[in-house]
Amino acid sequence: MKLEFDREAESELLAAADWYEAQRAGLGRRFGAAVERALLSVAERPDAHPRAEQSSRAAVRRLLVAEFPYAIVFMRIEDRVRILAVAHLHREPGYWSHRARRPKR
C-alpha cells in the first residue's frame, strides 16, 4: 500500500533522527531503520494495528517503533496510508489529532 507523509510527520521524523544522531554517532541511522521497519509493517497490513487511543476516529491507528519511544500514527484512506505523525510517546499526547480532520497538505 502506498504511504503518504503529512509535512509535519516528515519533519518530526527528520528532527528525531537528527537528535538521535547528535546524541551518538549511528543512533540516528538506527532510529531511521526502526522507523522504516515499522512503516513496512504499516504498508503491508495497515488494518492489523491498534486504534490510536487519543483519537475518537476509528480510522486513526498507531504502531510503536521498536527500541525507541515513538509511534507511527496513521490512517488508511482507500488504497493509501496517510502518516499523520512520528510521535514521541512521552510528549504532548494527541497533539497530532487535528491532522486527521484536515485534507492532506
Protein backbone atom coordinates (compact mmCIF):
# COMPACT_ATOMS: atom_id res chain seq x y z
CA MET A 1 0.00 0.00 0.00
CA LYS A 2 1.26 3.49 -0.80
CA LEU A 3 2.41 5.65 2.14
CA GLU A 4 1.99 9.43 2.15
CA PHE A 5 3.52 11.62 4.86
CA ASP A 6 1.94 14.78 6.20
CA ARG A 7 4.55 17.53 6.02
CA GLU A 8 4.69 17.74 9.82
CA ALA A 9 5.17 13.98 10.18
CA GLU A 10 8.10 14.06 7.79
CA SER A 11 9.63 16.95 9.76
CA GLU A 12 9.16 15.04 13.01
CA LEU A 13 10.93 12.01 11.57
CA LEU A 14 13.90 14.03 10.33
CA ALA A 15 14.19 16.03 13.57
CA ALA A 16 14.13 12.88 15.71
CA ALA A 17 16.76 11.15 13.55
CA ASP A 18 18.97 14.26 13.74
CA TRP A 19 18.56 14.44 17.52
CA TYR A 20 19.50 10.78 17.98
CA GLU A 21 22.48 11.14 15.68
CA ALA A 22 23.68 14.15 17.70
CA GLN A 23 23.47 12.05 20.87
CA ARG A 24 25.62 9.25 19.48
CA ALA A 25 27.05 8.54 16.03
CA GLY A 26 24.96 5.90 14.28
CA LEU A 27 21.97 6.19 16.60
CA GLY A 28 20.06 8.36 14.14
CA ARG A 29 20.54 5.73 11.44
CA ARG A 30 19.40 3.05 13.86
CA PHE A 31 16.27 5.10 14.60
CA GLY A 32 15.65 5.55 10.87
CA ALA A 33 15.96 1.81 10.29
CA ALA A 34 13.49 1.07 13.11
CA VAL A 35 11.02 3.56 11.64
CA GLU A 36 11.48 2.03 8.20
CA ARG A 37 10.64 -1.44 9.57
CA ALA A 38 7.53 -0.01 11.23
CA LEU A 39 6.48 1.70 8.00
CA LEU A 40 6.87 -1.55 6.07
CA SER A 41 4.51 -3.21 8.54
CA VAL A 42 2.02 -0.36 8.17
CA ALA A 43 2.18 -0.56 4.37
CA GLU A 44 1.72 -4.34 4.34
CA ARG A 45 -1.08 -4.61 6.91
CA PRO A 46 -2.47 -1.22 7.98
CA ASP A 47 -5.67 -2.63 9.47
CA ALA A 48 -3.75 -5.02 11.73
CA HIS A 49 -2.54 -2.24 14.02
CA PRO A 50 -4.50 -0.91 17.02
CA ARG A 51 -6.56 2.23 17.06
CA ALA A 52 -4.77 5.29 18.45
CA GLU A 53 -6.06 5.92 21.97
CA GLN A 54 -6.03 9.72 21.63
CA SER A 55 -8.39 9.64 18.65
CA SER A 56 -12.11 9.14 18.63
CA ARG A 57 -11.81 8.24 14.96
CA ALA A 58 -11.57 4.50 14.44
CA ALA A 59 -9.62 5.09 11.22
CA VAL A 60 -6.62 6.51 13.12
CA ARG A 61 -4.18 3.79 14.15
CA ARG A 62 -0.67 3.59 15.55
CA LEU A 63 2.32 1.33 15.58
CA LEU A 64 5.08 1.55 18.15
CA VAL A 65 8.62 1.91 16.83
CA ALA A 66 10.82 -0.88 18.22
CA GLU A 67 13.58 0.24 20.64
CA PHE A 68 12.53 3.91 20.63
CA PRO A 69 9.78 5.83 22.45
CA TYR A 70 7.96 6.73 19.21
CA ALA A 71 4.83 5.68 17.38
CA ILE A 72 3.80 5.94 13.76
CA VAL A 73 0.30 7.44 13.76
CA PHE A 74 -1.61 6.85 10.54
CA MET A 75 -4.93 6.39 8.84
CA ARG A 76 -5.90 4.27 5.86
CA ILE A 77 -7.71 6.15 3.13
CA GLU A 78 -8.89 3.76 0.43
CA ASP A 79 -5.76 2.39 -1.26
CA ARG A 80 -3.20 4.51 0.59
CA VAL A 81 -1.98 5.17 4.11
CA ARG A 82 -1.53 8.71 5.37
CA ILE A 83 1.19 9.09 8.03
CA LEU A 84 -0.10 11.73 10.43
CA ALA A 85 2.76 11.79 12.93
CA VAL A 86 6.01 10.27 14.07
CA ALA A 87 5.07 10.94 17.66
CA HIS A 88 7.22 10.79 20.79
CA LEU A 89 5.27 8.75 23.33
CA HIS A 90 6.09 10.95 26.33
CA ARG A 91 5.35 14.38 24.90
CA GLU A 92 2.06 16.14 24.26
CA PRO A 93 -0.30 13.18 23.80
CA GLY A 94 -2.71 13.65 20.92
CA TYR A 95 -1.04 16.83 19.59
CA TRP A 96 -1.42 15.40 16.09
CA SER A 97 -5.19 14.73 16.27
CA HIS A 98 -6.15 17.81 14.24
CA ARG A 99 -4.19 16.36 11.31
CA ALA A 100 -6.74 13.57 10.93
CA ARG A 101 -9.52 16.10 10.36
CA ARG A 102 -7.91 18.10 7.60
CA PRO A 103 -7.19 17.34 3.98
CA LYS A 104 -3.66 16.27 3.09
CA ARG A 105 -1.31 19.21 2.53
